[in-house]
Amino acid sequence: LCLAVGAVAVLALITEAGGLWGERALATDFSMKNLPPSFRCPFGTDWMGRDLFVRTVAGLSLSIRIGVLTAAASAAIAFVLGLTASLGKGADTVVSCLTDLVMGIPHMLLLILVSFAVGKGFWGVVAGISLTHWASLARLLRAEALQLKESQYVKVARKLGKSPVYVAVKHMTPHLIPQLLVGAVLLFPHAVLHEASITFLGFGLSPEQPAIGIILSEGMKYLVMGKWWLALFPGALLALAVILFQAIASAASSMVDPGQAHS
């Protein structure tokens, strides 16, 4: 639990600092371009003389905000579909077919197509991740809802004349909330990594924005010139953020099911 609290604090600090450093991340100074790491610039500078530490923190802050937004949206979609599956055989069939369809398409391809169709940029990335990351959680919540549907208290509620919608909202929702919260937390690192991935490939955020994917894409071009710091430090900070998210997810899972062992 202490590790999770520390992880939340670090991620919150990165998010806040990145928001405050938005303008600094765009400041250029060509007299300082491609400088190696130093006390003044811990991550060095890039090809436009921008402070890579400031730029990386600002980019990671943007990635975290996108991750939170898209994970919440994906979890909401999964929750609605999971509850819908409990309303009847027809509804369950529709939810199952939709879930299988999304999971049957290569994930990155679907993500790029949705993001490109919406127009790329911030909202394109948000839409792409939100509309492609819900399937696994929806399948889990659907299975949980169908199991709850066979429980004794649900059968009693139905015999008392309660509608399927009332039963789903009143009696099933409280039992699905813990799984929903854990699933949403687990979606965070995937959302952050996929945002960086499609931006790296040129289908995500605008090149003007200090995004991690853009920073890594630019840094890879200079590796052959020995400018190793342009890709190493941003990549390491992104990996650290993902590890912190995993620590939070592990703590959340432990609180929901204390007897379960986690790696």
C-alpha atoms as a PDB file:
ATOM      1  CA  LEU A   1       0.000   0.000   0.000  1.00  0.00           C
ATOM      2  CA  CYS A   2       2.857   2.393   0.823  1.00  0.00           C
ATOM      3  CA  LEU A   3       4.415   1.645  -2.568  1.00  0.00           C
ATOM      4  CA  ALA A   4       1.110   2.451  -4.297  1.00  0.00           C
ATOM      5  CA  VAL A   5       0.751   5.722  -2.384  1.00  0.00           C
ATOM      6  CA  GLY A   6       4.309   6.646  -3.344  1.00  0.00           C
ATOM      7  CA  ALA A   7       3.581   5.754  -6.977  1.00  0.00           C
ATOM      8  CA  VAL A   8       0.487   7.963  -6.997  1.00  0.00           C
ATOM      9  CA  ALA A   9       2.499  10.823  -5.478  1.00  0.00           C
ATOM     10  CA  VAL A  10       5.267  10.535  -8.084  1.00  0.00           C
ATOM     11  CA  LEU A  11       2.810  10.375 -10.980  1.00  0.00           C
ATOM     12  CA  ALA A  12       0.866  13.340  -9.586  1.00  0.00           C
ATOM     13  CA  LEU A  13       4.116  15.308  -9.271  1.00  0.00           C
ATOM     14  CA  ILE A  14       5.067  14.504 -12.884  1.00  0.00           C
ATOM     15  CA  THR A  15       1.614  15.504 -14.097  1.00  0.00           C
ATOM     16  CA  GLU A  16       1.644  18.800 -12.208  1.00  0.00           C
ATOM     17  CA  ALA A  17       5.224  19.668 -13.174  1.00  0.00           C
ATOM     18  CA  GLY A  18       4.570  18.839 -16.808  1.00  0.00           C
ATOM     19  CA  GLY A  19       1.545  21.115 -16.847  1.00  0.00           C
ATOM     20  CA  LEU A  20       3.576  23.992 -15.425  1.00  0.00           C
ATOM     21  CA  TRP A  21       6.488  23.425 -17.817  1.00  0.00           C
ATOM     22  CA  GLY A  22       4.408  23.410 -21.005  1.00  0.00           C
ATOM     23  CA  GLU A  23       5.914  26.641 -22.331  1.00  0.00           C
ATOM     24  CA  ARG A  24       9.463  25.776 -21.261  1.00  0.00           C
ATOM     25  CA  ALA A  25       9.230  22.482 -23.125  1.00  0.00           C
ATOM     26  CA  LEU A  26       8.801  24.396 -26.392  1.00  0.00           C
ATOM     27  CA  ALA A  27      11.593  26.936 -25.791  1.00  0.00           C
ATOM     28  CA  THR A  28      14.452  26.574 -28.288  1.00  0.00           C
ATOM     29  CA  ASP A  29      18.080  27.662 -28.115  1.00  0.00           C
ATOM     30  CA  PHE A  30      20.118  26.552 -31.139  1.00  0.00           C
ATOM     31  CA  SER A  31      23.349  27.521 -29.403  1.00  0.00           C
ATOM     32  CA  MET A  32      22.762  24.577 -27.030  1.00  0.00           C
ATOM     33  CA  LYS A  33      21.587  21.901 -29.468  1.00  0.00           C
ATOM     34  CA  ASN A  34      22.488  18.229 -28.939  1.00  0.00           C
ATOM     35  CA  LEU A  35      24.379  18.799 -25.690  1.00  0.00           C
ATOM     36  CA  PRO A  36      25.035  15.698 -23.522  1.00  0.00           C
ATOM     37  CA  PRO A  37      23.580  15.383 -20.011  1.00  0.00           C
ATOM     38  CA  SER A  38      24.879  17.968 -17.547  1.00  0.00           C
ATOM     39  CA  PHE A  39      23.997  19.505 -14.192  1.00  0.00           C
ATOM     40  CA  ARG A  40      22.026  22.240 -15.956  1.00  0.00           C
ATOM     41  CA  CYS A  41      20.230  19.819 -18.302  1.00  0.00           C
ATOM     42  CA  PRO A  42      20.118  16.344 -16.660  1.00  0.00           C
ATOM     43  CA  PHE A  43      18.771  14.684 -19.824  1.00  0.00           C
ATOM     44  CA  GLY A  44      20.814  16.829 -22.226  1.00  0.00           C
ATOM     45  CA  THR A  45      19.313  18.875 -25.046  1.00  0.00           C
ATOM     46  CA  ASP A  46      17.803  17.925 -28.402  1.00  0.00           C
ATOM     47  CA  TRP A  47      18.459  19.048 -31.979  1.00  0.00           C
ATOM     48  CA  MET A  48      16.684  22.363 -31.353  1.00  0.00           C
ATOM     49  CA  GLY A  49      18.418  23.101 -28.056  1.00  0.00           C
ATOM     50  CA  ARG A  50      15.347  22.247 -25.974  1.00  0.00           C
ATOM     51  CA  ASP A  51      15.872  20.980 -22.425  1.00  0.00           C
ATOM     52  CA  LEU A  52      15.138  17.263 -22.779  1.00  0.00           C
ATOM     53  CA  PHE A  53      14.322  16.779 -19.087  1.00  0.00           C
ATOM     54  CA  VAL A  54      11.672  19.509 -19.146  1.00  0.00           C
ATOM     55  CA  ARG A  55      10.371  18.256 -22.489  1.00  0.00           C
ATOM     56  CA  THR A  56      10.193  14.640 -21.299  1.00  0.00           C
ATOM     57  CA  VAL A  57       8.335  15.518 -18.085  1.00  0.00           C
ATOM     58  CA  ALA A  58       5.882  17.674 -20.071  1.00  0.00           C
ATOM     59  CA  GLY A  59       5.366  14.854 -22.566  1.00  0.00           C
ATOM     60  CA  LEU A  60       4.867  12.260 -19.863  1.00  0.00           C
ATOM     61  CA  SER A  61       2.411  14.581 -18.108  1.00  0.00           C
ATOM     62  CA  LEU A  62       0.373  14.740 -21.310  1.00  0.00           C
ATOM     63  CA  SER A  63       0.539  10.950 -21.656  1.00  0.00           C
ATOM     64  CA  ILE A  64      -0.685  10.467 -18.077  1.00  0.00           C
ATOM     65  CA  ARG A  65      -3.633  12.803 -18.622  1.00  0.00           C
ATOM     66  CA  ILE A  66      -4.540  10.939 -21.802  1.00  0.00           C
ATOM     67  CA  GLY A  67      -4.141   7.621 -19.965  1.00  0.00           C
ATOM     68  CA  VAL A  68      -6.482   8.653 -17.156  1.00  0.00           C
ATOM     69  CA  LEU A  69      -9.106   9.996 -19.553  1.00  0.00           C
ATOM     70  CA  THR A  70      -9.049   7.035 -21.927  1.00  0.00           C
ATOM     71  CA  ALA A  71      -8.913   4.420 -19.170  1.00  0.00           C
ATOM     72  CA  ALA A  72     -11.982   5.962 -17.529  1.00  0.00           C
ATOM     73  CA  ALA A  73     -13.840   6.082 -20.860  1.00  0.00           C
ATOM     74  CA  SER A  74     -12.895   2.489 -21.753  1.00  0.00           C
ATOM     75  CA  ALA A  75     -13.913   1.256 -18.302  1.00  0.00           C
ATOM     76  CA  ALA A  76     -17.270   3.025 -18.602  1.00  0.00           C
ATOM     77  CA  ILE A  77     -17.921   1.367 -21.977  1.00  0.00           C
ATOM     78  CA  ALA A  78     -16.947  -2.033 -20.565  1.00  0.00           C
ATOM     79  CA  PHE A  79     -19.175  -1.544 -17.516  1.00  0.00           C
ATOM     80  CA  VAL A  80     -22.250  -0.612 -19.574  1.00  0.00           C
ATOM     81  CA  LEU A  81     -21.754  -3.563 -21.917  1.00  0.00           C
ATOM     82  CA  GLY A  82     -21.108  -5.949 -19.033  1.00  0.00           C
ATOM     83  CA  LEU A  83     -24.381  -4.966 -17.363  1.00  0.00           C
ATOM     84  CA  THR A  84     -26.222  -5.023 -20.673  1.00  0.00           C
ATOM     85  CA  ALA A  85     -25.247  -8.662 -21.195  1.00  0.00           C
ATOM     86  CA  SER A  86     -27.237  -9.595 -18.065  1.00  0.00           C
ATOM     87  CA  LEU A  87     -30.517  -8.148 -19.409  1.00  0.00           C
ATOM     88  CA  GLY A  88     -31.346 -11.135 -21.596  1.00  0.00           C
ATOM     89  CA  LYS A  89     -30.141 -13.661 -24.115  1.00  0.00           C
ATOM     90  CA  GLY A  90     -30.477 -11.267 -27.047  1.00  0.00           C
ATOM     91  CA  ALA A  91     -28.533  -8.526 -25.308  1.00  0.00           C
ATOM     92  CA  ASP A  92     -25.837 -11.007 -24.272  1.00  0.00           C
ATOM     93  CA  THR A  93     -25.485 -12.201 -27.870  1.00  0.00           C
ATOM     94  CA  VAL A  94     -25.050  -8.641 -29.161  1.00  0.00           C
ATOM     95  CA  VAL A  95     -22.437  -7.824 -26.477  1.00  0.00           C
ATOM     96  CA  SER A  96     -20.544 -11.068 -27.142  1.00  0.00           C
ATOM     97  CA  CYS A  97     -20.467 -10.512 -30.910  1.00  0.00           C
ATOM     98  CA  LEU A  98     -19.326  -6.901 -30.510  1.00  0.00           C
ATOM     99  CA  THR A  99     -16.598  -7.917 -28.068  1.00  0.00           C
ATOM    100  CA  ASP A 100     -15.394 -10.742 -30.302  1.00  0.00           C
ATOM    101  CA  LEU A 101     -15.360  -8.414 -33.315  1.00  0.00           C
ATOM    102  CA  VAL A 102     -13.169  -5.828 -31.567  1.00  0.00           C
ATOM    103  CA  MET A 103     -10.838  -8.464 -30.140  1.00  0.00           C
ATOM    104  CA  GLY A 104     -10.582 -10.193 -33.526  1.00  0.00           C
ATOM    105  CA  ILE A 105      -9.076  -7.142 -35.243  1.00  0.00           C
ATOM    106  CA  PRO A 106      -5.344  -6.500 -34.681  1.00  0.00           C
ATOM    107  CA  HIS A 107      -5.290  -4.034 -31.817  1.00  0.00           C
ATOM    108  CA  MET A 108      -2.745  -1.548 -33.139  1.00  0.00           C
ATOM    109  CA  LEU A 109      -4.356  -1.521 -36.594  1.00  0.00           C
ATOM    110  CA  LEU A 110      -7.781  -0.729 -35.133  1.00  0.00           C
ATOM    111  CA  LEU A 111      -6.291   1.934 -32.889  1.00  0.00           C
ATOM    112  CA  ILE A 112      -4.545   3.663 -35.802  1.00  0.00           C
ATOM    113  CA  LEU A 113      -7.669   3.478 -37.995  1.00  0.00           C
ATOM    114  CA  VAL A 114      -9.926   5.042 -35.357  1.00  0.00           C
ATOM    115  CA  SER A 115      -7.385   7.714 -34.453  1.00  0.00           C
ATOM    116  CA  PHE A 116      -6.825   8.602 -38.116  1.00  0.00           C
ATOM    117  CA  ALA A 117     -10.569   8.651 -38.860  1.00  0.00           C
ATOM    118  CA  VAL A 118     -11.219  11.102 -36.013  1.00  0.00           C
ATOM    119  CA  GLY A 119      -8.434  13.370 -37.258  1.00  0.00           C
ATOM    120  CA  LYS A 120      -5.401  12.381 -35.174  1.00  0.00           C
ATOM    121  CA  GLY A 121      -4.261  14.946 -32.613  1.00  0.00           C
ATOM    122  CA  PHE A 122      -5.327  14.881 -28.963  1.00  0.00           C
ATOM    123  CA  TRP A 123      -8.956  13.888 -29.498  1.00  0.00           C
ATOM    124  CA  GLY A 124      -8.052  11.390 -32.183  1.00  0.00           C
ATOM    125  CA  VAL A 125      -5.753   9.605 -29.730  1.00  0.00           C
ATOM    126  CA  VAL A 126      -8.364   9.770 -26.958  1.00  0.00           C
ATOM    127  CA  ALA A 127     -11.077   8.355 -29.233  1.00  0.00           C
ATOM    128  CA  GLY A 128      -8.806   5.672 -30.642  1.00  0.00           C
ATOM    129  CA  ILE A 129      -7.678   4.360 -27.263  1.00  0.00           C
ATOM    130  CA  SER A 130     -11.094   4.692 -25.596  1.00  0.00           C
ATOM    131  CA  LEU A 131     -12.894   2.780 -28.345  1.00  0.00           C
ATOM    132  CA  THR A 132     -10.380  -0.070 -28.596  1.00  0.00           C
ATOM    133  CA  HIS A 133      -9.342  -0.835 -25.003  1.00  0.00           C
ATOM    134  CA  TRP A 134     -12.636  -1.887 -23.433  1.00  0.00           C
ATOM    135  CA  ALA A 135     -13.071  -5.386 -24.877  1.00  0.00           C
ATOM    136  CA  SER A 136     -11.079  -7.460 -22.349  1.00  0.00           C
ATOM    137  CA  LEU A 137     -12.620  -5.708 -19.354  1.00  0.00           C
ATOM    138  CA  ALA A 138     -16.098  -5.972 -20.892  1.00  0.00           C
ATOM    139  CA  ARG A 139     -15.642  -9.728 -21.281  1.00  0.00           C
ATOM    140  CA  LEU A 140     -14.574 -10.020 -17.647  1.00  0.00           C
ATOM    141  CA  LEU A 141     -17.504  -7.927 -16.372  1.00  0.00           C
ATOM    142  CA  ARG A 142     -19.930  -9.825 -18.598  1.00  0.00           C
ATOM    143  CA  ALA A 143     -18.817 -13.139 -17.110  1.00  0.00           C
ATOM    144  CA  GLU A 144     -19.150 -11.704 -13.600  1.00  0.00           C
ATOM    145  CA  ALA A 145     -22.614 -10.307 -14.356  1.00  0.00           C
ATOM    146  CA  LEU A 146     -23.836 -13.632 -15.790  1.00  0.00           C
ATOM    147  CA  GLN A 147     -22.576 -15.389 -12.682  1.00  0.00           C
ATOM    148  CA  LEU A 148     -24.385 -12.902 -10.444  1.00  0.00           C
ATOM    149  CA  LYS A 149     -27.524 -13.418 -12.520  1.00  0.00           C
ATOM    150  CA  GLU A 150     -27.708 -16.986 -11.196  1.00  0.00           C
ATOM    151  CA  SER A 151     -27.296 -15.985  -7.545  1.00  0.00           C
ATOM    152  CA  GLN A 152     -30.149 -16.539  -5.117  1.00  0.00           C
ATOM    153  CA  TYR A 153     -30.847 -12.914  -4.224  1.00  0.00           C
ATOM    154  CA  VAL A 154     -31.115 -11.948  -7.910  1.00  0.00           C
ATOM    155  CA  LYS A 155     -33.599 -14.756  -8.533  1.00  0.00           C
ATOM    156  CA  VAL A 156     -35.637 -13.595  -5.532  1.00  0.00           C
ATOM    157  CA  ALA A 157     -35.663 -10.026  -6.840  1.00  0.00           C
ATOM    158  CA  ARG A 158     -36.946 -11.236 -10.180  1.00  0.00           C
ATOM    159  CA  LYS A 159     -39.695 -13.290  -8.550  1.00  0.00           C
ATOM    160  CA  LEU A 160     -40.762 -10.129  -6.737  1.00  0.00           C
ATOM    161  CA  GLY A 161     -41.367  -8.551 -10.133  1.00  0.00           C
ATOM    162  CA  LYS A 162     -38.266  -6.358 -10.413  1.00  0.00           C
ATOM    163  CA  SER A 163     -37.231  -5.518 -13.982  1.00  0.00           C
ATOM    164  CA  PRO A 164     -33.914  -6.754 -15.416  1.00  0.00           C
ATOM    165  CA  VAL A 165     -32.633  -3.175 -15.553  1.00  0.00           C
ATOM    166  CA  TYR A 166     -33.523  -2.591 -11.891  1.00  0.00           C
ATOM    167  CA  VAL A 167     -31.847  -5.851 -10.872  1.00  0.00           C
ATOM    168  CA  ALA A 168     -28.724  -5.025 -12.887  1.00  0.00           C
ATOM    169  CA  VAL A 169     -28.358  -1.521 -11.471  1.00  0.00           C
ATOM    170  CA  LYS A 170     -29.462  -2.200  -7.894  1.00  0.00           C
ATOM    171  CA  HIS A 171     -28.123  -5.670  -7.184  1.00  0.00           C
ATOM    172  CA  MET A 172     -25.278  -6.295  -9.626  1.00  0.00           C
ATOM    173  CA  THR A 173     -23.531  -2.914  -9.818  1.00  0.00           C
ATOM    174  CA  PRO A 174     -22.181  -2.947  -6.216  1.00  0.00           C
ATOM    175  CA  HIS A 175     -20.516  -6.314  -6.890  1.00  0.00           C
ATOM    176  CA  LEU A 176     -19.026  -5.199 -10.196  1.00  0.00           C
ATOM    177  CA  ILE A 177     -17.564  -1.897  -8.969  1.00  0.00           C
ATOM    178  CA  PRO A 178     -14.393  -3.442  -7.418  1.00  0.00           C
ATOM    179  CA  GLN A 179     -13.602  -5.322 -10.641  1.00  0.00           C
ATOM    180  CA  LEU A 180     -14.341  -2.175 -12.617  1.00  0.00           C
ATOM    181  CA  LEU A 181     -11.926  -0.054 -10.567  1.00  0.00           C
ATOM    182  CA  VAL A 182      -9.114  -2.585 -10.798  1.00  0.00           C
ATOM    183  CA  GLY A 183      -9.712  -2.987 -14.535  1.00  0.00           C
ATOM    184  CA  ALA A 184      -9.620   0.781 -15.038  1.00  0.00           C
ATOM    185  CA  VAL A 185      -6.295   1.048 -13.196  1.00  0.00           C
ATOM    186  CA  LEU A 186      -4.860  -1.786 -15.282  1.00  0.00           C
ATOM    187  CA  LEU A 187      -5.893   0.055 -18.449  1.00  0.00           C
ATOM    188  CA  PHE A 188      -3.730   3.087 -17.549  1.00  0.00           C
ATOM    189  CA  PRO A 189      -0.312   1.675 -18.535  1.00  0.00           C
ATOM    190  CA  HIS A 190      -1.710   0.188 -21.745  1.00  0.00           C
ATOM    191  CA  ALA A 191      -3.242   3.529 -22.683  1.00  0.00           C
ATOM    192  CA  VAL A 192       0.019   5.390 -21.995  1.00  0.00           C
ATOM    193  CA  LEU A 193       2.104   2.934 -24.007  1.00  0.00           C
ATOM    194  CA  HIS A 194      -0.302   2.894 -26.936  1.00  0.00           C
ATOM    195  CA  GLU A 195      -0.480   6.690 -26.998  1.00  0.00           C
ATOM    196  CA  ALA A 196       3.324   6.773 -27.214  1.00  0.00           C
ATOM    197  CA  SER A 197       3.307   4.020 -29.853  1.00  0.00           C
ATOM    198  CA  ILE A 198       0.876   5.588 -32.325  1.00  0.00           C
ATOM    199  CA  THR A 199       2.468   9.016 -31.820  1.00  0.00           C
ATOM    200  CA  PHE A 200       5.866   7.434 -32.534  1.00  0.00           C
ATOM    201  CA  LEU A 201       4.400   6.012 -35.762  1.00  0.00           C
ATOM    202  CA  GLY A 202       3.015   9.401 -36.792  1.00  0.00           C
ATOM    203  CA  PHE A 203      -0.704   8.697 -36.221  1.00  0.00           C
ATOM    204  CA  GLY A 204      -1.087  10.350 -32.835  1.00  0.00           C
ATOM    205  CA  LEU A 205      -0.359  13.722 -31.326  1.00  0.00           C
ATOM    206  CA  SER A 206       0.822  16.740 -33.289  1.00  0.00           C
ATOM    207  CA  PRO A 207       4.612  17.039 -33.793  1.00  0.00           C
ATOM    208  CA  GLU A 208       4.506  20.435 -32.090  1.00  0.00           C
ATOM    209  CA  GLN A 209       3.393  18.877 -28.808  1.00  0.00           C
ATOM    210  CA  PRO A 210       6.021  17.594 -26.329  1.00  0.00           C
ATOM    211  CA  ALA A 211       4.750  14.012 -26.457  1.00  0.00           C
ATOM    212  CA  ILE A 212       6.851  11.011 -25.411  1.00  0.00           C
ATOM    213  CA  GLY A 213       6.229   9.268 -28.735  1.00  0.00           C
ATOM    214  CA  ILE A 214       7.439  12.303 -30.674  1.00  0.00           C
ATOM    215  CA  ILE A 215      10.503  12.676 -28.441  1.00  0.00           C
ATOM    216  CA  LEU A 216      11.429   9.015 -28.940  1.00  0.00           C
ATOM    217  CA  SER A 217      10.785   9.204 -32.690  1.00  0.00           C
ATOM    218  CA  GLU A 218      13.096  12.217 -32.985  1.00  0.00           C
ATOM    219  CA  GLY A 219      15.706  10.675 -30.673  1.00  0.00           C
ATOM    220  CA  MET A 220      15.933   7.437 -32.668  1.00  0.00           C
ATOM    221  CA  LYS A 221      17.138   9.387 -35.697  1.00  0.00           C
ATOM    222  CA  TYR A 222      20.194  10.580 -33.777  1.00  0.00           C
ATOM    223  CA  LEU A 223      21.246   7.260 -32.196  1.00  0.00           C
ATOM    224  CA  VAL A 224      23.589   6.477 -35.095  1.00  0.00           C
ATOM    225  CA  MET A 225      25.276   9.841 -34.453  1.00  0.00           C
ATOM    226  CA  GLY A 226      26.033   8.876 -30.846  1.00  0.00           C
ATOM    227  CA  LYS A 227      23.326  11.094 -29.313  1.00  0.00           C
ATOM    228  CA  TRP A 228      22.170   8.242 -27.065  1.00  0.00           C
ATOM    229  CA  TRP A 229      20.607  10.462 -24.406  1.00  0.00           C
ATOM    230  CA  LEU A 230      17.888  11.674 -26.800  1.00  0.00           C
ATOM    231  CA  ALA A 231      16.142   8.288 -26.645  1.00  0.00           C
ATOM    232  CA  LEU A 232      17.499   6.625 -23.492  1.00  0.00           C
ATOM    233  CA  PHE A 233      16.228   9.006 -20.816  1.00  0.00           C
ATOM    234  CA  PRO A 234      12.725   9.595 -22.256  1.00  0.00           C
ATOM    235  CA  GLY A 235      12.323   5.837 -22.766  1.00  0.00           C
ATOM    236  CA  ALA A 236      13.494   5.127 -19.216  1.00  0.00           C
ATOM    237  CA  LEU A 237      11.086   7.676 -17.737  1.00  0.00           C
ATOM    238  CA  LEU A 238       8.209   6.186 -19.750  1.00  0.00           C
ATOM    239  CA  ALA A 239       9.127   2.715 -18.470  1.00  0.00           C
ATOM    240  CA  LEU A 240       9.213   4.067 -14.894  1.00  0.00           C
ATOM    241  CA  ALA A 241       5.718   5.524 -15.298  1.00  0.00           C
ATOM    242  CA  VAL A 242       4.396   2.173 -16.530  1.00  0.00           C
ATOM    243  CA  ILE A 243       6.015   0.365 -13.561  1.00  0.00           C
ATOM    244  CA  LEU A 244       4.396   2.852 -11.166  1.00  0.00           C
ATOM    245  CA  PHE A 245       0.999   2.250 -12.754  1.00  0.00           C
ATOM    246  CA  GLN A 246       1.508  -1.495 -12.346  1.00  0.00           C
ATOM    247  CA  ALA A 247       2.304  -1.002  -8.653  1.00  0.00           C
ATOM    248  CA  ILE A 248      -0.955   0.916  -8.213  1.00  0.00           C
ATOM    249  CA  ALA A 249      -2.890  -1.794 -10.055  1.00  0.00           C
ATOM    250  CA  SER A 250      -1.304  -4.509  -7.904  1.00  0.00           C
ATOM    251  CA  ALA A 251      -2.288  -2.680  -4.716  1.00  0.00           C
ATOM    252  CA  ALA A 252      -5.836  -2.173  -5.999  1.00  0.00           C
ATOM    253  CA  SER A 253      -6.123  -5.878  -6.846  1.00  0.00           C
ATOM    254  CA  SER A 254      -4.873  -6.819  -3.375  1.00  0.00           C
ATOM    255  CA  MET A 255      -7.522  -4.651  -1.731  1.00  0.00           C
ATOM    256  CA  VAL A 256     -10.278  -6.239  -3.820  1.00  0.00           C
ATOM    257  CA  ASP A 257      -8.995  -9.786  -3.230  1.00  0.00           C
ATOM    258  CA  PRO A 258      -6.542  -9.849  -0.282  1.00  0.00           C
ATOM    259  CA  GLY A 259      -6.031 -13.594  -0.587  1.00  0.00           C
ATOM    260  CA  GLN A 260      -4.825 -13.433  -4.164  1.00  0.00           C
ATOM    261  CA  ALA A 261      -1.071 -13.505  -4.747  1.00  0.00           C
ATOM    262  CA  HIS A 262       0.358 -10.988  -7.176  1.00  0.00           C
ATOM    263  CA  SER A 263       3.652 -10.979  -8.933  1.00  0.00           C
END
